[in-house]
Amino acid sequence: MFVAGEQNAHEWIDFELLLRGLNELGARPLVLSMPIDGRYFDRFGVGRLFRDLYYKRIRGLAQVHDVPLVDFEDHDLDEDFLADHHDHLTAKGWLYFDKALDDFFHDRLVLQPGT
């Protein structure tokens, strides 16, 4: 169910149109993507293999449209990164987001290969 929902979500079309439009306008965007709460989804049978489909897809779209991406995938199992219903940042999560934004706007953002 997770895989079908992720692969067929209409939001991917919207996201790709947004990236394409930003490129056509000459914008300099940065995509920040919250990690999936791996601990939460593991309990419902959505293991790492399935979550990797999301990370792979968002990376692929960012790469095709030459848009830098910080997906925070390395915090997939970090219990201190997300809070509430697993889709809100904690204070720690906000610190990472804020640092990525600050580094991007001051040309200090160093991305790993493939991001």
PDB file of N, CA and C in Angstrom:
ATOM      1  N   MET A   1       0.818  -1.191   0.000  1.00  0.00           N
ATOM      2  CA  MET A   1       0.000   0.000   0.000  1.00  0.00           C
ATOM      3  C   MET A   1       0.871   1.269   0.000  1.00  0.00           C
ATOM      4  N   PHE A   2       1.898   1.286   0.848  1.00  0.00           N
ATOM      5  CA  PHE A   2       2.780   2.449   0.904  1.00  0.00           C
ATOM      6  C   PHE A   2       3.447   2.672  -0.452  1.00  0.00           C
ATOM      7  N   VAL A   3       3.957   1.598  -1.039  1.00  0.00           N
ATOM      8  CA  VAL A   3       4.683   1.721  -2.307  1.00  0.00           C
ATOM      9  C   VAL A   3       3.754   2.237  -3.394  1.00  0.00           C
ATOM     10  N   ALA A   4       2.566   1.672  -3.503  1.00  0.00           N
ATOM     11  CA  ALA A   4       1.613   2.115  -4.530  1.00  0.00           C
ATOM     12  C   ALA A   4       1.228   3.569  -4.305  1.00  0.00           C
ATOM     13  N   GLY A   5       0.982   3.942  -3.055  1.00  0.00           N
ATOM     14  CA  GLY A   5       0.614   5.323  -2.749  1.00  0.00           C
ATOM     15  C   GLY A   5       1.731   6.293  -3.065  1.00  0.00           C
ATOM     16  N   GLU A   6       2.950   5.893  -2.754  1.00  0.00           N
ATOM     17  CA  GLU A   6       4.100   6.761  -3.017  1.00  0.00           C
ATOM     18  C   GLU A   6       4.337   6.896  -4.513  1.00  0.00           C
ATOM     19  N   GLN A   7       4.274   5.798  -5.231  1.00  0.00           N
ATOM     20  CA  GLN A   7       4.571   5.833  -6.661  1.00  0.00           C
ATOM     21  C   GLN A   7       3.499   6.541  -7.469  1.00  0.00           C
ATOM     22  N   ASN A   8       2.250   6.482  -7.022  1.00  0.00           N
ATOM     23  CA  ASN A   8       1.141   7.041  -7.795  1.00  0.00           C
ATOM     24  C   ASN A   8       0.650   8.392  -7.285  1.00  0.00           C
ATOM     25  N   ALA A   9       1.324   8.961  -6.315  1.00  0.00           N
ATOM     26  CA  ALA A   9       0.887  10.234  -5.750  1.00  0.00           C
ATOM     27  C   ALA A   9       0.958  11.345  -6.795  1.00  0.00           C
ATOM     28  N   HIS A  10      -0.116  12.082  -6.913  1.00  0.00           N
ATOM     29  CA  HIS A  10      -0.174  13.194  -7.870  1.00  0.00           C
ATOM     30  C   HIS A  10       0.782  14.321  -7.494  1.00  0.00           C
ATOM     31  N   GLU A  11       1.175  14.363  -6.237  1.00  0.00           N
ATOM     32  CA  GLU A  11       2.076  15.418  -5.786  1.00  0.00           C
ATOM     33  C   GLU A  11       3.433  15.361  -6.485  1.00  0.00           C
ATOM     34  N   TRP A  12       3.838  14.178  -6.958  1.00  0.00           N
ATOM     35  CA  TRP A  12       5.096  14.080  -7.686  1.00  0.00           C
ATOM     36  C   TRP A  12       5.038  14.885  -8.978  1.00  0.00           C
ATOM     37  N   ILE A  13       3.902  14.871  -9.635  1.00  0.00           N
ATOM     38  CA  ILE A  13       3.732  15.655 -10.870  1.00  0.00           C
ATOM     39  C   ILE A  13       3.840  17.138 -10.546  1.00  0.00           C
ATOM     40  N   ASP A  14       3.159  17.548  -9.471  1.00  0.00           N
ATOM     41  CA  ASP A  14       3.216  18.951  -9.054  1.00  0.00           C
ATOM     42  C   ASP A  14       4.644  19.359  -8.711  1.00  0.00           C
ATOM     43  N   PHE A  15       5.344  18.487  -8.012  1.00  0.00           N
ATOM     44  CA  PHE A  15       6.717  18.771  -7.611  1.00  0.00           C
ATOM     45  C   PHE A  15       7.614  18.931  -8.836  1.00  0.00           C
ATOM     46  N   GLU A  16       7.461  18.033  -9.801  1.00  0.00           N
ATOM     47  CA  GLU A  16       8.275  18.133 -11.009  1.00  0.00           C
ATOM     48  C   GLU A  16       7.956  19.403 -11.798  1.00  0.00           C
ATOM     49  N   LEU A  17       6.688  19.755 -11.883  1.00  0.00           N
ATOM     50  CA  LEU A  17       6.314  21.002 -12.566  1.00  0.00           C
ATOM     51  C   LEU A  17       6.905  22.218 -11.865  1.00  0.00           C
ATOM     52  N   LEU A  18       6.904  22.188 -10.550  1.00  0.00           N
ATOM     53  CA  LEU A  18       7.491  23.286  -9.779  1.00  0.00           C
ATOM     54  C   LEU A  18       8.981  23.412 -10.074  1.00  0.00           C
ATOM     55  N   LEU A  19       9.697  22.289 -10.028  1.00  0.00           N
ATOM     56  CA  LEU A  19      11.136  22.336 -10.298  1.00  0.00           C
ATOM     57  C   LEU A  19      11.420  22.820 -11.714  1.00  0.00           C
ATOM     58  N   ARG A  20      10.644  22.334 -12.663  1.00  0.00           N
ATOM     59  CA  ARG A  20      10.831  22.761 -14.056  1.00  0.00           C
ATOM     60  C   ARG A  20      10.557  24.260 -14.198  1.00  0.00           C
ATOM     61  N   GLY A  21       9.475  24.723 -13.600  1.00  0.00           N
ATOM     62  CA  GLY A  21       9.131  26.142 -13.681  1.00  0.00           C
ATOM     63  C   GLY A  21      10.181  27.030 -13.037  1.00  0.00           C
ATOM     64  N   LEU A  22      10.698  26.610 -11.894  1.00  0.00           N
ATOM     65  CA  LEU A  22      11.745  27.391 -11.235  1.00  0.00           C
ATOM     66  C   LEU A  22      12.994  27.485 -12.105  1.00  0.00           C
ATOM     67  N   ASN A  23      13.341  26.389 -12.749  1.00  0.00           N
ATOM     68  CA  ASN A  23      14.495  26.414 -13.666  1.00  0.00           C
ATOM     69  C   ASN A  23      14.255  27.363 -14.823  1.00  0.00           C
ATOM     70  N   GLU A  24      13.059  27.305 -15.396  1.00  0.00           N
ATOM     71  CA  GLU A  24      12.750  28.174 -16.532  1.00  0.00           C
ATOM     72  C   GLU A  24      12.780  29.652 -16.152  1.00  0.00           C
ATOM     73  N   LEU A  25      12.456  29.939 -14.895  1.00  0.00           N
ATOM     74  CA  LEU A  25      12.477  31.323 -14.420  1.00  0.00           C
ATOM     75  C   LEU A  25      13.868  31.775 -13.975  1.00  0.00           C
ATOM     76  N   GLY A  26      14.807  30.846 -13.949  1.00  0.00           N
ATOM     77  CA  GLY A  26      16.157  31.197 -13.528  1.00  0.00           C
ATOM     78  C   GLY A  26      16.322  31.295 -12.022  1.00  0.00           C
ATOM     79  N   ALA A  27      15.412  30.704 -11.284  1.00  0.00           N
ATOM     80  CA  ALA A  27      15.485  30.737  -9.824  1.00  0.00           C
ATOM     81  C   ALA A  27      16.626  29.846  -9.338  1.00  0.00           C
ATOM     82  N   ARG A  28      17.004  30.052  -8.124  1.00  0.00           N
ATOM     83  CA  ARG A  28      18.039  29.244  -7.481  1.00  0.00           C
ATOM     84  C   ARG A  28      17.439  28.575  -6.248  1.00  0.00           C
ATOM     85  N   PRO A  29      16.637  27.521  -6.451  1.00  0.00           N
ATOM     86  CA  PRO A  29      15.951  26.901  -5.327  1.00  0.00           C
ATOM     87  C   PRO A  29      16.827  25.910  -4.563  1.00  0.00           C
ATOM     88  N   LEU A  30      16.385  25.593  -3.379  1.00  0.00           N
ATOM     89  CA  LEU A  30      16.953  24.536  -2.540  1.00  0.00           C
ATOM     90  C   LEU A  30      15.779  23.711  -2.044  1.00  0.00           C
ATOM     91  N   VAL A  31      15.858  22.413  -2.166  1.00  0.00           N
ATOM     92  CA  VAL A  31      14.812  21.537  -1.650  1.00  0.00           C
ATOM     93  C   VAL A  31      15.298  20.941  -0.334  1.00  0.00           C
ATOM     94  N   LEU A  32      14.536  21.180   0.716  1.00  0.00           N
ATOM     95  CA  LEU A  32      14.771  20.557   2.017  1.00  0.00           C
ATOM     96  C   LEU A  32      13.640  19.566   2.239  1.00  0.00           C
ATOM     97  N   SER A  33      13.982  18.329   2.463  1.00  0.00           N
ATOM     98  CA  SER A  33      12.970  17.290   2.643  1.00  0.00           C
ATOM     99  C   SER A  33      13.138  16.642   4.006  1.00  0.00           C
ATOM    100  N   MET A  34      12.072  16.676   4.785  1.00  0.00           N
ATOM    101  CA  MET A  34      12.125  16.004   6.079  1.00  0.00           C
ATOM    102  C   MET A  34      12.333  14.512   5.859  1.00  0.00           C
ATOM    103  N   PRO A  35      13.057  13.867   6.761  1.00  0.00           N
ATOM    104  CA  PRO A  35      13.211  12.423   6.623  1.00  0.00           C
ATOM    105  C   PRO A  35      11.897  11.724   6.971  1.00  0.00           C
ATOM    106  N   ILE A  36      11.747  10.522   6.468  1.00  0.00           N
ATOM    107  CA  ILE A  36      10.622   9.692   6.879  1.00  0.00           C
ATOM    108  C   ILE A  36      10.950   9.190   8.284  1.00  0.00           C
ATOM    109  N   ASP A  37       9.972   9.134   9.146  1.00  0.00           N
ATOM    110  CA  ASP A  37      10.193   8.635  10.504  1.00  0.00           C
ATOM    111  C   ASP A  37      10.268   7.104  10.450  1.00  0.00           C
ATOM    112  N   GLY A  38      11.481   6.600  10.261  1.00  0.00           N
ATOM    113  CA  GLY A  38      11.692   5.172  10.094  1.00  0.00           C
ATOM    114  C   GLY A  38      11.207   4.334  11.256  1.00  0.00           C
ATOM    115  N   ARG A  39      11.411   4.812  12.483  1.00  0.00           N
ATOM    116  CA  ARG A  39      10.963   4.044  13.657  1.00  0.00           C
ATOM    117  C   ARG A  39       9.456   3.848  13.614  1.00  0.00           C
ATOM    118  N   TYR A  40       8.736   4.886  13.266  1.00  0.00           N
ATOM    119  CA  TYR A  40       7.274   4.833  13.202  1.00  0.00           C
ATOM    120  C   TYR A  40       6.811   3.894  12.089  1.00  0.00           C
ATOM    121  N   PHE A  41       7.368   4.079  10.892  1.00  0.00           N
ATOM    122  CA  PHE A  41       6.920   3.285   9.756  1.00  0.00           C
ATOM    123  C   PHE A  41       7.366   1.829   9.834  1.00  0.00           C
ATOM    124  N   ASP A  42       8.487   1.553  10.494  1.00  0.00           N
ATOM    125  CA  ASP A  42       8.904   0.168  10.700  1.00  0.00           C
ATOM    126  C   ASP A  42       7.826  -0.633  11.426  1.00  0.00           C
ATOM    127  N   ARG A  43       7.153   0.015  12.361  1.00  0.00           N
ATOM    128  CA  ARG A  43       6.103  -0.677  13.134  1.00  0.00           C
ATOM    129  C   ARG A  43       4.927  -1.084  12.267  1.00  0.00           C
ATOM    130  N   PHE A  44       4.762  -0.458  11.128  1.00  0.00           N
ATOM    131  CA  PHE A  44       3.624  -0.758  10.248  1.00  0.00           C
ATOM    132  C   PHE A  44       4.061  -1.498   8.986  1.00  0.00           C
ATOM    133  N   GLY A  45       5.267  -2.061   9.021  1.00  0.00           N
ATOM    134  CA  GLY A  45       5.729  -2.876   7.909  1.00  0.00           C
ATOM    135  C   GLY A  45       6.312  -2.109   6.739  1.00  0.00           C
ATOM    136  N   VAL A  46       6.543  -0.813   6.926  1.00  0.00           N
ATOM    137  CA  VAL A  46       7.160  -0.012   5.859  1.00  0.00           C
ATOM    138  C   VAL A  46       8.645   0.094   6.190  1.00  0.00           C
ATOM    139  N   GLY A  47       9.379  -0.941   5.780  1.00  0.00           N
ATOM    140  CA  GLY A  47      10.793  -1.037   6.102  1.00  0.00           C
ATOM    141  C   GLY A  47      11.653  -0.110   5.273  1.00  0.00           C
ATOM    142  N   ARG A  48      12.930  -0.160   5.556  1.00  0.00           N
ATOM    143  CA  ARG A  48      13.885   0.736   4.919  1.00  0.00           C
ATOM    144  C   ARG A  48      13.865   0.612   3.390  1.00  0.00           C
ATOM    145  N   LEU A  49      13.721  -0.596   2.889  1.00  0.00           N
ATOM    146  CA  LEU A  49      13.684  -0.811   1.443  1.00  0.00           C
ATOM    147  C   LEU A  49      12.582   0.016   0.788  1.00  0.00           C
ATOM    148  N   PHE A  50      11.427   0.086   1.417  1.00  0.00           N
ATOM    149  CA  PHE A  50      10.306   0.850   0.867  1.00  0.00           C
ATOM    150  C   PHE A  50      10.536   2.348   1.016  1.00  0.00           C
ATOM    151  N   ARG A  51      11.083   2.732   2.152  1.00  0.00           N
ATOM    152  CA  ARG A  51      11.348   4.161   2.362  1.00  0.00           C
ATOM    153  C   ARG A  51      12.404   4.673   1.394  1.00  0.00           C
ATOM    154  N   ASP A  52      13.343   3.804   1.027  1.00  0.00           N
ATOM    155  CA  ASP A  52      14.379   4.191   0.066  1.00  0.00           C
ATOM    156  C   ASP A  52      13.790   4.562  -1.291  1.00  0.00           C
ATOM    157  N   LEU A  53      12.620   4.033  -1.632  1.00  0.00           N
ATOM    158  CA  LEU A  53      11.968   4.407  -2.890  1.00  0.00           C
ATOM    159  C   LEU A  53      11.664   5.900  -2.916  1.00  0.00           C
ATOM    160  N   TYR A  54      11.203   6.425  -1.779  1.00  0.00           N
ATOM    161  CA  TYR A  54      10.928   7.862  -1.681  1.00  0.00           C
ATOM    162  C   TYR A  54      12.221   8.662  -1.845  1.00  0.00           C
ATOM    163  N   TYR A  55      13.245   8.282  -1.065  1.00  0.00           N
ATOM    164  CA  TYR A  55      14.501   9.025  -1.125  1.00  0.00           C
ATOM    165  C   TYR A  55      15.096   8.988  -2.541  1.00  0.00           C
ATOM    166  N   LYS A  56      15.029   7.839  -3.181  1.00  0.00           N
ATOM    167  CA  LYS A  56      15.561   7.704  -4.533  1.00  0.00           C
ATOM    168  C   LYS A  56      14.785   8.587  -5.513  1.00  0.00           C
ATOM    169  N   ARG A  57      13.485   8.619  -5.358  1.00  0.00           N
ATOM    170  CA  ARG A  57      12.667   9.394  -6.299  1.00  0.00           C
ATOM    171  C   ARG A  57      12.901  10.894  -6.148  1.00  0.00           C
ATOM    172  N   ILE A  58      12.932  11.374  -4.921  1.00  0.00           N
ATOM    173  CA  ILE A  58      13.117  12.812  -4.731  1.00  0.00           C
ATOM    174  C   ILE A  58      14.515  13.232  -5.180  1.00  0.00           C
ATOM    175  N   ARG A  59      15.514  12.367  -4.943  1.00  0.00           N
ATOM    176  CA  ARG A  59      16.864  12.665  -5.418  1.00  0.00           C
ATOM    177  C   ARG A  59      16.914  12.700  -6.944  1.00  0.00           C
ATOM    178  N   GLY A  60      16.233  11.755  -7.557  1.00  0.00           N
ATOM    179  CA  GLY A  60      16.220  11.706  -9.017  1.00  0.00           C
ATOM    180  C   GLY A  60      15.619  12.946  -9.629  1.00  0.00           C
ATOM    181  N   LEU A  61      14.503  13.404  -9.081  1.00  0.00           N
ATOM    182  CA  LEU A  61      13.863  14.613  -9.610  1.00  0.00           C
ATOM    183  C   LEU A  61      14.742  15.839  -9.402  1.00  0.00           C
ATOM    184  N   ALA A  62      15.356  15.933  -8.232  1.00  0.00           N
ATOM    185  CA  ALA A  62      16.234  17.073  -7.970  1.00  0.00           C
ATOM    186  C   ALA A  62      17.426  17.051  -8.928  1.00  0.00           C
ATOM    187  N   GLN A  63      17.960  15.870  -9.180  1.00  0.00           N
ATOM    188  CA  GLN A  63      19.112  15.761 -10.065  1.00  0.00           C
ATOM    189  C   GLN A  63      18.739  16.098 -11.506  1.00  0.00           C
ATOM    190  N   VAL A  64      17.612  15.591 -11.981  1.00  0.00           N
ATOM    191  CA  VAL A  64      17.170  15.870 -13.356  1.00  0.00           C
ATOM    192  C   VAL A  64      17.003  17.365 -13.580  1.00  0.00           C
ATOM    193  N   HIS A  65      16.523  18.071 -12.561  1.00  0.00           N
ATOM    194  CA  HIS A  65      16.266  19.501 -12.697  1.00  0.00           C
ATOM    195  C   HIS A  65      17.392  20.350 -12.112  1.00  0.00           C
ATOM    196  N   ASP A  66      18.494  19.700 -11.770  1.00  0.00           N
ATOM    197  CA  ASP A  66      19.688  20.386 -11.280  1.00  0.00           C
ATOM    198  C   ASP A  66      19.379  21.310 -10.102  1.00  0.00           C
ATOM    199  N   VAL A  67      18.646  20.771  -9.144  1.00  0.00           N
ATOM    200  CA  VAL A  67      18.260  21.517  -7.948  1.00  0.00           C
ATOM    201  C   VAL A  67      18.932  20.859  -6.748  1.00  0.00           C
ATOM    202  N   PRO A  68      19.634  21.615  -5.926  1.00  0.00           N
ATOM    203  CA  PRO A  68      20.241  21.017  -4.741  1.00  0.00           C
ATOM    204  C   PRO A  68      19.170  20.515  -3.773  1.00  0.00           C
ATOM    205  N   LEU A  69      19.463  19.399  -3.143  1.00  0.00           N
ATOM    206  CA  LEU A  69      18.523  18.747  -2.229  1.00  0.00           C
ATOM    207  C   LEU A  69      19.246  18.347  -0.961  1.00  0.00           C
ATOM    208  N   VAL A  70      18.620  18.624   0.168  1.00  0.00           N
ATOM    209  CA  VAL A  70      19.071  18.088   1.445  1.00  0.00           C
ATOM    210  C   VAL A  70      17.876  17.307   1.980  1.00  0.00           C
ATOM    211  N   ASP A  71      18.015  15.967   2.020  1.00  0.00           N
ATOM    212  CA  ASP A  71      16.864  15.136   2.389  1.00  0.00           C
ATOM    213  C   ASP A  71      16.916  14.606   3.821  1.00  0.00           C
ATOM    214  N   PHE A  72      17.994  14.835   4.514  1.00  0.00           N
ATOM    215  CA  PHE A  72      18.137  14.418   5.907  1.00  0.00           C
ATOM    216  C   PHE A  72      17.860  12.933   6.097  1.00  0.00           C
ATOM    217  N   GLU A  73      18.128  12.151   5.047  1.00  0.00           N
ATOM    218  CA  GLU A  73      17.893  10.703   5.103  1.00  0.00           C
ATOM    219  C   GLU A  73      18.651  10.053   6.254  1.00  0.00           C
ATOM    220  N   ASP A  74      19.801  10.592   6.592  1.00  0.00           N
ATOM    221  CA  ASP A  74      20.586  10.002   7.678  1.00  0.00           C
ATOM    222  C   ASP A  74      19.908  10.154   9.038  1.00  0.00           C
ATOM    223  N   HIS A  75      18.786  10.862   9.079  1.00  0.00           N
ATOM    224  CA  HIS A  75      18.004  10.994  10.321  1.00  0.00           C
ATOM    225  C   HIS A  75      16.723  10.164  10.265  1.00  0.00           C
ATOM    226  N   ASP A  76      16.654   9.248   9.335  1.00  0.00           N
ATOM    227  CA  ASP A  76      15.493   8.372   9.153  1.00  0.00           C
ATOM    228  C   ASP A  76      15.140   7.632  10.448  1.00  0.00           C
ATOM    229  N   LEU A  77      16.128   7.244  11.223  1.00  0.00           N
ATOM    230  CA  LEU A  77      15.889   6.519  12.477  1.00  0.00           C
ATOM    231  C   LEU A  77      16.218   7.354  13.712  1.00  0.00           C
ATOM    232  N   ASP A  78      16.431   8.629  13.536  1.00  0.00           N
ATOM    233  CA  ASP A  78      16.807   9.529  14.635  1.00  0.00           C
ATOM    234  C   ASP A  78      15.557   9.945  15.404  1.00  0.00           C
ATOM    235  N   GLU A  79      15.398   9.423  16.590  1.00  0.00           N
ATOM    236  CA  GLU A  79      14.186   9.697  17.379  1.00  0.00           C
ATOM    237  C   GLU A  79      14.102  11.132  17.873  1.00  0.00           C
ATOM    238  N   ASP A  80      15.190  11.882  17.762  1.00  0.00           N
ATOM    239  CA  ASP A  80      15.189  13.266  18.229  1.00  0.00           C
ATOM    240  C   ASP A  80      14.995  14.283  17.111  1.00  0.00           C
ATOM    241  N   PHE A  81      14.746  13.827  15.883  1.00  0.00           N
ATOM    242  CA  PHE A  81      14.640  14.735  14.744  1.00  0.00           C
ATOM    243  C   PHE A  81      13.202  15.154  14.448  1.00  0.00           C
ATOM    244  N   LEU A  82      12.265  14.235  14.621  1.00  0.00           N
ATOM    245  CA  LEU A  82      10.851  14.494  14.351  1.00  0.00           C
ATOM    246  C   LEU A  82      10.038  14.330  15.624  1.00  0.00           C
ATOM    247  N   ALA A  83       8.903  15.021  15.670  1.00  0.00           N
ATOM    248  CA  ALA A  83       8.046  14.967  16.850  1.00  0.00           C
ATOM    249  C   ALA A  83       6.584  14.873  16.441  1.00  0.00           C
ATOM    250  N   ASP A  84       5.730  14.935  17.429  1.00  0.00           N
ATOM    251  CA  ASP A  84       4.276  14.941  17.241  1.00  0.00           C
ATOM    252  C   ASP A  84       3.822  13.726  16.450  1.00  0.00           C
ATOM    253  N   HIS A  85       3.194  13.958  15.344  1.00  0.00           N
ATOM    254  CA  HIS A  85       2.670  12.863  14.532  1.00  0.00           C
ATOM    255  C   HIS A  85       3.677  12.440  13.482  1.00  0.00           C
ATOM    256  N   HIS A  86       4.942  12.568  13.803  1.00  0.00           N
ATOM    257  CA  HIS A  86       6.027  12.107  12.960  1.00  0.00           C
ATOM    258  C   HIS A  86       6.213  12.935  11.695  1.00  0.00           C
ATOM    259  N   ASP A  87       5.601  14.108  11.677  1.00  0.00           N
ATOM    260  CA  ASP A  87       5.779  14.972  10.509  1.00  0.00           C
ATOM    261  C   ASP A  87       6.024  16.423  10.906  1.00  0.00           C
ATOM    262  N   HIS A  88       6.535  16.603  12.106  1.00  0.00           N
ATOM    263  CA  HIS A  88       6.941  17.925  12.575  1.00  0.00           C
ATOM    264  C   HIS A  88       8.369  17.833  13.097  1.00  0.00           C
ATOM    265  N   LEU A  89       9.126  18.875  12.853  1.00  0.00           N
ATOM    266  CA  LEU A  89      10.497  18.900  13.326  1.00  0.00           C
ATOM    267  C   LEU A  89      10.566  19.200  14.816  1.00  0.00           C
ATOM    268  N   THR A  90      11.533  18.603  15.488  1.00  0.00           N
ATOM    269  CA  THR A  90      11.849  18.958  16.863  1.00  0.00           C
ATOM    270  C   THR A  90      12.794  20.164  16.819  1.00  0.00           C
ATOM    271  N   ALA A  91      13.198  20.628  17.976  1.00  0.00           N
ATOM    272  CA  ALA A  91      14.178  21.721  18.024  1.00  0.00           C
ATOM    273  C   ALA A  91      15.459  21.297  17.310  1.00  0.00           C
ATOM    274  N   LYS A  92      15.872  20.048  17.497  1.00  0.00           N
ATOM    275  CA  LYS A  92      17.069  19.539  16.812  1.00  0.00           C
ATOM    276  C   LYS A  92      16.857  19.550  15.295  1.00  0.00           C
ATOM    277  N   GLY A  93      15.706  19.092  14.847  1.00  0.00           N
ATOM    278  CA  GLY A  93      15.410  19.090  13.413  1.00  0.00           C
ATOM    279  C   GLY A  93      15.466  20.490  12.832  1.00  0.00           C
ATOM    280  N   TRP A  94      14.899  21.463  13.559  1.00  0.00           N
ATOM    281  CA  TRP A  94      14.928  22.852  13.079  1.00  0.00           C
ATOM    282  C   TRP A  94      16.349  23.393  13.007  1.00  0.00           C
ATOM    283  N   LEU A  95      17.195  22.991  13.945  1.00  0.00           N
ATOM    284  CA  LEU A  95      18.592  23.438  13.889  1.00  0.00           C
ATOM    285  C   LEU A  95      19.264  22.953  12.600  1.00  0.00           C
ATOM    286  N   TYR A  96      19.010  21.715  12.233  1.00  0.00           N
ATOM    287  CA  TYR A  96      19.585  21.180  10.991  1.00  0.00           C
ATOM    288  C   TYR A  96      19.020  21.904   9.765  1.00  0.00           C
ATOM    289  N   PHE A  97      17.715  22.129   9.757  1.00  0.00           N
ATOM    290  CA  PHE A  97      17.109  22.857   8.631  1.00  0.00           C
ATOM    291  C   PHE A  97      17.658  24.270   8.539  1.00  0.00           C
ATOM    292  N   ASP A  98      17.721  24.955   9.687  1.00  0.00           N
ATOM    293  CA  ASP A  98      18.233  26.326   9.701  1.00  0.00           C
ATOM    294  C   ASP A  98      19.679  26.395   9.217  1.00  0.00           C
ATOM    295  N   LYS A  99      20.500  25.441   9.636  1.00  0.00           N
ATOM    296  CA  LYS A  99      21.894  25.429   9.208  1.00  0.00           C
ATOM    297  C   LYS A  99      21.985  25.199   7.699  1.00  0.00           C
ATOM    298  N   ALA A 100      21.179  24.281   7.168  1.00  0.00           N
ATOM    299  CA  ALA A 100      21.198  24.025   5.723  1.00  0.00           C
ATOM    300  C   ALA A 100      20.803  25.284   4.954  1.00  0.00           C
ATOM    301  N   LEU A 101      19.785  25.980   5.422  1.00  0.00           N
ATOM    302  CA  LEU A 101      19.364  27.226   4.765  1.00  0.00           C
ATOM    303  C   LEU A 101      20.450  28.294   4.830  1.00  0.00           C
ATOM    304  N   ASP A 102      21.029  28.460   6.018  1.00  0.00           N
ATOM    305  CA  ASP A 102      22.074  29.462   6.190  1.00  0.00           C
ATOM    306  C   ASP A 102      23.277  29.142   5.306  1.00  0.00           C
ATOM    307  N   ASP A 103      23.669  27.865   5.284  1.00  0.00           N
ATOM    308  CA  ASP A 103      24.800  27.471   4.445  1.00  0.00           C
ATOM    309  C   ASP A 103      24.494  27.688   2.967  1.00  0.00           C
ATOM    310  N   PHE A 104      23.274  27.402   2.550  1.00  0.00           N
ATOM    311  CA  PHE A 104      22.894  27.579   1.151  1.00  0.00           C
ATOM    312  C   PHE A 104      22.963  29.052   0.749  1.00  0.00           C
ATOM    313  N   PHE A 105      22.385  29.911   1.544  1.00  0.00           N
ATOM    314  CA  PHE A 105      22.327  31.324   1.177  1.00  0.00           C
ATOM    315  C   PHE A 105      23.666  32.034   1.332  1.00  0.00           C
ATOM    316  N   HIS A 106      24.597  31.419   2.039  1.00  0.00           N
ATOM    317  CA  HIS A 106      25.940  31.989   2.153  1.00  0.00           C
ATOM    318  C   HIS A 106      26.958  31.168   1.364  1.00  0.00           C
ATOM    319  N   ASP A 107      26.465  30.355   0.418  1.00  0.00           N
ATOM    320  CA  ASP A 107      27.307  29.550  -0.468  1.00  0.00           C
ATOM    321  C   ASP A 107      28.297  28.663   0.276  1.00  0.00           C
ATOM    322  N   ARG A 108      27.854  28.091   1.400  1.00  0.00           N
ATOM    323  CA  ARG A 108      28.690  27.164   2.165  1.00  0.00           C
ATOM    324  C   ARG A 108      28.119  25.743   2.157  1.00  0.00           C
ATOM    325  N   LEU A 109      27.022  25.539   1.471  1.00  0.00           N
ATOM    326  CA  LEU A 109      26.366  24.238   1.479  1.00  0.00           C
ATOM    327  C   LEU A 109      27.205  23.230   0.691  1.00  0.00           C
ATOM    328  N   VAL A 110      27.622  22.187   1.335  1.00  0.00           N
ATOM    329  CA  VAL A 110      28.399  21.126   0.704  1.00  0.00           C
ATOM    330  C   VAL A 110      27.488  19.906   0.617  1.00  0.00           C
ATOM    331  N   LEU A 111      27.195  19.498  -0.612  1.00  0.00           N
ATOM    332  CA  LEU A 111      26.310  18.362  -0.813  1.00  0.00           C
ATOM    333  C   LEU A 111      27.110  17.106  -1.111  1.00  0.00           C
ATOM    334  N   GLN A 112      26.587  15.993  -0.624  1.00  0.00           N
ATOM    335  CA  GLN A 112      27.205  14.695  -0.901  1.00  0.00           C
ATOM    336  C   GLN A 112      26.886  14.306  -2.347  1.00  0.00           C
ATOM    337  N   PRO A 113      27.697  13.467  -2.947  1.00  0.00           N
ATOM    338  CA  PRO A 113      27.409  13.016  -4.317  1.00  0.00           C
ATOM    339  C   PRO A 113      26.017  12.410  -4.403  1.00  0.00           C
ATOM    340  N   GLY A 114      25.306  12.767  -5.465  1.00  0.00           N
ATOM    341  CA  GLY A 114      23.961  12.243  -5.657  1.00  0.00           C
ATOM    342  C   GLY A 114      22.873  13.074  -5.023  1.00  0.00           C
ATOM    343  N   THR A 115      23.244  14.173  -4.334  1.00  0.00           N
ATOM    344  CA  THR A 115      22.231  15.032  -3.722  1.00  0.00           C
ATOM    345  C   THR A 115      22.218  16.380  -4.398  1.00  0.00           C
TER     346      THR A 115
END
